[in-house]
């Protein structure tokens, strides 16, 4: 085999190994995505219970002090990612949790004819 043929063979092997590793990493990311979805489902089940209690106590859905506490303990727990990433992700989770609770409250009002 000539020099250019060997270079092509080596290049193909590297590309094949890189492609295999890419697929493995994507599979792992997919598994993590599914785990995140499972955790979000569990979190929203808890949020639904929290909403029920807050509603019974006449408390508002939005509790800015509680949200500050959550962001703070998550920020402290984070040891690797840039703070803004974690803060933005959790702000989004909290926003969607509030929206979920508001949707529950609206459904209650709709079913009561209010």
N, C-alpha and C. Protein backbone atom coordinates (compact mmCIF):
# COMPACT_ATOMS: atom_id res chain seq x y z
N UNK A 1 0.86 -1.18 0.00
CA UNK A 1 0.00 0.00 0.00
C UNK A 1 0.89 1.23 0.00
N UNK A 2 0.58 2.17 -0.84
CA UNK A 2 1.39 3.38 -0.91
C UNK A 2 1.04 4.33 0.24
N UNK A 3 1.83 5.38 0.35
CA UNK A 3 1.69 6.34 1.45
C UNK A 3 0.31 6.99 1.49
N UNK A 4 -0.24 7.40 0.35
CA UNK A 4 -1.56 8.04 0.34
C UNK A 4 -2.66 7.05 0.72
N UNK A 5 -2.47 5.78 0.34
CA UNK A 5 -3.44 4.75 0.72
C UNK A 5 -3.45 4.52 2.22
N UNK A 6 -2.27 4.54 2.84
CA UNK A 6 -2.17 4.37 4.30
C UNK A 6 -2.79 5.56 5.02
N UNK A 7 -2.54 6.76 4.50
CA UNK A 7 -3.13 7.95 5.11
C UNK A 7 -4.66 7.87 5.07
N UNK A 8 -5.18 7.42 3.95
CA UNK A 8 -6.64 7.29 3.80
C UNK A 8 -7.18 6.25 4.78
N UNK A 9 -6.48 5.13 4.91
CA UNK A 9 -6.90 4.07 5.82
C UNK A 9 -6.89 4.57 7.26
N UNK A 10 -5.84 5.28 7.64
CA UNK A 10 -5.75 5.83 9.00
C UNK A 10 -6.84 6.86 9.22
N UNK A 11 -7.06 7.71 8.24
CA UNK A 11 -8.10 8.72 8.33
C UNK A 11 -9.47 8.08 8.51
N UNK A 12 -9.73 7.00 7.73
CA UNK A 12 -11.01 6.28 7.85
C UNK A 12 -11.17 5.67 9.23
N UNK A 13 -10.09 5.10 9.78
CA UNK A 13 -10.15 4.51 11.12
C UNK A 13 -10.45 5.57 12.18
N UNK A 14 -9.77 6.71 12.06
CA UNK A 14 -10.00 7.80 13.02
C UNK A 14 -11.44 8.30 12.91
N UNK A 15 -11.90 8.49 11.69
CA UNK A 15 -13.28 8.95 11.48
C UNK A 15 -14.28 7.95 12.03
N UNK A 16 -14.01 6.67 11.81
CA UNK A 16 -14.90 5.62 12.31
C UNK A 16 -14.92 5.61 13.83
N UNK A 17 -13.75 5.71 14.46
CA UNK A 17 -13.67 5.74 15.92
C UNK A 17 -14.36 6.98 16.47
N UNK A 18 -14.16 8.12 15.82
CA UNK A 18 -14.80 9.37 16.26
C UNK A 18 -16.31 9.28 16.11
N UNK A 19 -16.76 8.72 15.01
CA UNK A 19 -18.20 8.57 14.80
C UNK A 19 -18.81 7.65 15.84
N UNK A 20 -18.12 6.55 16.15
CA UNK A 20 -18.60 5.62 17.16
C UNK A 20 -18.69 6.31 18.52
N UNK A 21 -17.65 7.07 18.87
CA UNK A 21 -17.65 7.78 20.15
C UNK A 21 -18.76 8.82 20.19
N UNK A 22 -18.97 9.51 19.08
CA UNK A 22 -20.05 10.50 19.00
C UNK A 22 -21.39 9.83 19.25
N UNK A 23 -21.63 8.70 18.63
CA UNK A 23 -22.89 7.98 18.82
C UNK A 23 -23.05 7.53 20.27
N UNK A 24 -21.97 7.04 20.87
CA UNK A 24 -22.01 6.61 22.28
C UNK A 24 -22.35 7.80 23.19
N UNK A 25 -21.71 8.92 22.94
CA UNK A 25 -21.97 10.10 23.76
C UNK A 25 -23.40 10.60 23.58
N UNK A 26 -23.90 10.56 22.35
CA UNK A 26 -25.29 10.96 22.11
C UNK A 26 -26.26 10.01 22.80
N UNK A 27 -25.95 8.72 22.79
CA UNK A 27 -26.80 7.76 23.50
C UNK A 27 -26.84 8.07 24.99
N UNK A 28 -25.69 8.39 25.55
CA UNK A 28 -25.62 8.75 26.97
C UNK A 28 -26.42 10.03 27.24
N UNK A 29 -26.28 11.01 26.37
CA UNK A 29 -27.04 12.26 26.52
C UNK A 29 -28.54 11.98 26.44
N UNK A 30 -28.94 11.09 25.52
CA UNK A 30 -30.36 10.73 25.40
C UNK A 30 -30.87 10.08 26.69
N UNK A 31 -30.07 9.21 27.28
CA UNK A 31 -30.45 8.56 28.55
C UNK A 31 -30.60 9.61 29.65
N UNK A 32 -29.68 10.56 29.69
CA UNK A 32 -29.77 11.63 30.68
C UNK A 32 -31.00 12.50 30.45
N UNK A 33 -31.31 12.77 29.19
CA UNK A 33 -32.52 13.55 28.88
C UNK A 33 -33.76 12.85 29.42
N UNK A 34 -33.83 11.53 29.23
CA UNK A 34 -34.98 10.78 29.74
C UNK A 34 -35.03 10.81 31.27
N UNK A 35 -33.87 10.74 31.90
CA UNK A 35 -33.83 10.83 33.36
C UNK A 35 -34.29 12.21 33.84
N UNK A 36 -33.91 13.26 33.11
CA UNK A 36 -34.36 14.61 33.45
C UNK A 36 -35.87 14.71 33.32
N UNK A 37 -36.43 14.13 32.26
CA UNK A 37 -37.89 14.15 32.08
C UNK A 37 -38.56 13.43 33.26
N UNK A 38 -38.03 12.28 33.66
CA UNK A 38 -38.60 11.56 34.80
C UNK A 38 -38.55 12.41 36.07
N UNK A 39 -37.43 13.09 36.28
CA UNK A 39 -37.32 13.95 37.46
C UNK A 39 -38.28 15.13 37.40
N UNK A 40 -38.45 15.70 36.22
CA UNK A 40 -39.40 16.81 36.08
C UNK A 40 -40.83 16.34 36.33
N UNK A 41 -41.17 15.16 35.86
CA UNK A 41 -42.51 14.61 36.14
C UNK A 41 -42.70 14.48 37.64
N UNK A 42 -41.72 13.93 38.33
CA UNK A 42 -41.82 13.79 39.79
C UNK A 42 -41.92 15.16 40.45
N UNK A 43 -41.13 16.12 39.97
CA UNK A 43 -41.18 17.46 40.56
C UNK A 43 -42.56 18.09 40.38
N UNK A 44 -43.13 17.94 39.21
CA UNK A 44 -44.44 18.54 38.96
C UNK A 44 -45.54 17.82 39.73
N UNK A 45 -45.36 16.54 40.02
CA UNK A 45 -46.31 15.86 40.89
C UNK A 45 -46.27 16.46 42.30
N UNK A 46 -45.08 16.77 42.76
CA UNK A 46 -44.93 17.42 44.06
C UNK A 46 -45.50 18.84 44.01
N UNK A 47 -45.23 19.55 42.92
CA UNK A 47 -45.77 20.91 42.76
C UNK A 47 -47.29 20.89 42.82
N UNK A 48 -47.90 19.87 42.23
CA UNK A 48 -49.36 19.77 42.27
C UNK A 48 -49.85 19.62 43.71
N UNK A 49 -49.14 18.83 44.51
CA UNK A 49 -49.51 18.67 45.92
C UNK A 49 -49.29 19.97 46.70
N UNK A 50 -48.18 20.64 46.41
CA UNK A 50 -47.91 21.93 47.05
C UNK A 50 -49.01 22.92 46.72
N UNK A 51 -49.41 22.93 45.44
CA UNK A 51 -50.48 23.85 45.01
C UNK A 51 -51.77 23.57 45.76
N UNK A 52 -52.08 22.32 45.95
CA UNK A 52 -53.30 21.96 46.67
C UNK A 52 -53.27 22.52 48.09
N UNK A 53 -52.15 22.38 48.75
CA UNK A 53 -52.03 22.88 50.11
C UNK A 53 -52.07 24.41 50.13
N UNK A 54 -51.31 25.04 49.22
CA UNK A 54 -51.31 26.51 49.16
C UNK A 54 -52.71 27.04 48.86
N UNK A 55 -53.41 26.38 47.97
CA UNK A 55 -54.76 26.80 47.63
C UNK A 55 -55.68 26.71 48.85
N UNK A 56 -55.56 25.62 49.58
CA UNK A 56 -56.36 25.44 50.79
C UNK A 56 -56.07 26.46 51.87
N UNK A 57 -54.84 26.93 51.89
CA UNK A 57 -54.44 27.94 52.87
C UNK A 57 -54.66 29.36 52.37
N UNK A 58 -55.10 29.49 51.12
CA UNK A 58 -55.33 30.80 50.54
C UNK A 58 -54.04 31.53 50.17
N UNK A 59 -52.97 30.77 49.93
CA UNK A 59 -51.69 31.38 49.57
C UNK A 59 -51.58 31.55 48.06
N UNK A 60 -50.83 32.57 47.67
CA UNK A 60 -50.61 32.81 46.25
C UNK A 60 -49.71 31.73 45.65
N UNK A 61 -49.86 31.53 44.37
CA UNK A 61 -48.98 30.61 43.64
C UNK A 61 -47.55 31.13 43.71
N UNK A 62 -47.37 32.42 43.45
CA UNK A 62 -46.04 33.01 43.39
C UNK A 62 -45.54 33.34 44.78
N UNK A 63 -44.39 32.79 45.14
CA UNK A 63 -43.75 33.05 46.42
C UNK A 63 -42.30 33.43 46.14
N UNK A 64 -42.05 34.74 45.92
CA UNK A 64 -40.70 35.16 45.51
C UNK A 64 -39.61 34.78 46.51
N UNK A 65 -39.93 34.80 47.79
CA UNK A 65 -38.92 34.44 48.80
C UNK A 65 -38.52 32.97 48.64
N UNK A 66 -39.51 32.11 48.44
CA UNK A 66 -39.21 30.68 48.24
C UNK A 66 -38.38 30.47 46.98
N UNK A 67 -38.70 31.20 45.93
CA UNK A 67 -37.94 31.05 44.69
C UNK A 67 -36.50 31.52 44.88
N UNK A 68 -36.30 32.58 45.65
CA UNK A 68 -34.93 33.04 45.95
C UNK A 68 -34.17 31.96 46.72
N UNK A 69 -34.85 31.32 47.68
CA UNK A 69 -34.22 30.25 48.45
C UNK A 69 -33.79 29.10 47.53
N UNK A 70 -34.67 28.72 46.62
CA UNK A 70 -34.35 27.62 45.70
C UNK A 70 -33.14 27.97 44.85
N UNK A 71 -33.16 29.15 44.25
CA UNK A 71 -32.04 29.57 43.40
C UNK A 71 -30.75 29.60 44.21
N UNK A 72 -30.83 30.06 45.44
CA UNK A 72 -29.63 30.15 46.28
C UNK A 72 -29.07 28.76 46.61
N UNK A 73 -29.92 27.82 47.06
CA UNK A 73 -29.35 26.51 47.41
C UNK A 73 -28.90 25.74 46.18
N UNK A 74 -29.53 25.96 45.05
CA UNK A 74 -29.07 25.34 43.81
C UNK A 74 -27.73 25.95 43.39
N UNK A 75 -27.62 27.24 43.53
CA UNK A 75 -26.36 27.92 43.20
C UNK A 75 -25.22 27.37 44.06
N UNK A 76 -25.48 27.19 45.34
CA UNK A 76 -24.46 26.67 46.24
C UNK A 76 -24.11 25.21 45.93
N UNK A 77 -25.09 24.43 45.49
CA UNK A 77 -24.85 23.02 45.17
C UNK A 77 -24.06 22.84 43.88
N UNK A 78 -24.18 23.80 42.99
CA UNK A 78 -23.49 23.72 41.70
C UNK A 78 -21.99 23.93 41.90
N UNK A 79 -21.22 22.94 41.46
CA UNK A 79 -19.77 23.05 41.61
C UNK A 79 -19.04 23.10 40.27
N UNK A 80 -19.77 22.93 39.16
CA UNK A 80 -19.06 22.80 37.88
C UNK A 80 -19.54 23.72 36.77
N UNK A 81 -20.80 23.99 36.69
CA UNK A 81 -21.31 24.77 35.56
C UNK A 81 -21.29 26.26 35.87
N UNK A 82 -21.19 27.08 34.84
CA UNK A 82 -21.29 28.53 35.07
C UNK A 82 -22.62 28.84 35.78
N UNK A 83 -22.54 29.71 36.76
CA UNK A 83 -23.71 30.04 37.58
C UNK A 83 -24.90 30.47 36.74
N UNK A 84 -24.65 31.23 35.69
CA UNK A 84 -25.76 31.72 34.87
C UNK A 84 -26.53 30.58 34.21
N UNK A 85 -25.85 29.49 33.85
CA UNK A 85 -26.55 28.35 33.24
C UNK A 85 -27.56 27.76 34.22
N UNK A 86 -27.06 27.47 35.42
CA UNK A 86 -27.92 26.85 36.43
C UNK A 86 -29.05 27.80 36.82
N UNK A 87 -28.72 29.06 37.02
CA UNK A 87 -29.74 30.04 37.39
C UNK A 87 -30.82 30.12 36.31
N UNK A 88 -30.42 30.19 35.05
CA UNK A 88 -31.40 30.28 33.96
C UNK A 88 -32.26 29.02 33.85
N UNK A 89 -31.63 27.87 33.99
CA UNK A 89 -32.39 26.61 33.92
C UNK A 89 -33.43 26.57 35.04
N UNK A 90 -33.00 26.91 36.25
CA UNK A 90 -33.94 26.83 37.37
C UNK A 90 -34.98 27.93 37.35
N UNK A 91 -34.64 29.09 36.83
CA UNK A 91 -35.68 30.11 36.65
C UNK A 91 -36.75 29.58 35.70
N UNK A 92 -36.33 28.89 34.67
CA UNK A 92 -37.29 28.34 33.71
C UNK A 92 -38.16 27.26 34.36
N UNK A 93 -37.53 26.40 35.15
CA UNK A 93 -38.30 25.36 35.87
C UNK A 93 -39.31 26.02 36.80
N UNK A 94 -38.88 27.04 37.52
CA UNK A 94 -39.80 27.73 38.44
C UNK A 94 -40.90 28.46 37.68
N UNK A 95 -40.56 29.08 36.57
CA UNK A 95 -41.59 29.73 35.75
C UNK A 95 -42.64 28.73 35.29
N UNK A 96 -42.19 27.58 34.83
CA UNK A 96 -43.13 26.55 34.35
C UNK A 96 -43.91 25.94 35.51
N UNK A 97 -43.30 25.85 36.68
CA UNK A 97 -44.02 25.36 37.86
C UNK A 97 -45.15 26.31 38.24
N UNK A 98 -44.86 27.62 38.17
CA UNK A 98 -45.91 28.62 38.44
C UNK A 98 -47.01 28.53 37.41
N UNK A 99 -46.63 28.40 36.14
CA UNK A 99 -47.63 28.30 35.07
C UNK A 99 -48.50 27.06 35.28
N UNK A 100 -47.88 25.96 35.65
CA UNK A 100 -48.59 24.71 35.93
C UNK A 100 -49.60 24.93 37.06
N UNK A 101 -49.16 25.58 38.13
CA UNK A 101 -50.06 25.85 39.26
C UNK A 101 -51.20 26.78 38.85
N UNK A 102 -50.88 27.80 38.08
CA UNK A 102 -51.92 28.72 37.60
C UNK A 102 -52.93 28.00 36.72
N UNK A 103 -52.45 27.07 35.89
CA UNK A 103 -53.34 26.27 35.05
C UNK A 103 -54.28 25.42 35.91
N UNK A 104 -53.74 24.85 36.98
CA UNK A 104 -54.57 24.06 37.90
C UNK A 104 -55.65 24.94 38.51
N UNK A 105 -55.25 26.12 38.96
CA UNK A 105 -56.21 27.04 39.58
C UNK A 105 -57.28 27.48 38.58
N UNK A 106 -56.88 27.73 37.34
CA UNK A 106 -57.85 28.13 36.31
C UNK A 106 -58.83 27.01 36.02
N UNK A 107 -58.34 25.79 35.97
CA UNK A 107 -59.24 24.63 35.74
C UNK A 107 -60.25 24.49 36.87
N UNK A 108 -59.80 24.75 38.10
CA UNK A 108 -60.72 24.71 39.24
C UNK A 108 -61.81 25.76 39.08
N UNK A 109 -61.41 26.97 38.69
CA UNK A 109 -62.38 28.05 38.50
C UNK A 109 -63.34 27.72 37.36
N UNK A 110 -62.79 27.19 36.26
CA UNK A 110 -63.64 26.84 35.11
C UNK A 110 -64.65 25.77 35.48
N UNK A 111 -64.21 24.78 36.25
CA UNK A 111 -65.13 23.70 36.61
C UNK A 111 -66.17 24.17 37.63
N UNK A 112 -65.84 25.22 38.39
CA UNK A 112 -66.78 25.79 39.35
C UNK A 112 -67.68 26.84 38.71
N UNK A 113 -67.42 27.12 37.43
CA UNK A 113 -68.24 28.11 36.72
C UNK A 113 -67.90 29.54 37.10
N UNK A 114 -66.69 29.77 37.57
CA UNK A 114 -66.29 31.13 37.96
C UNK A 114 -65.61 31.87 36.84
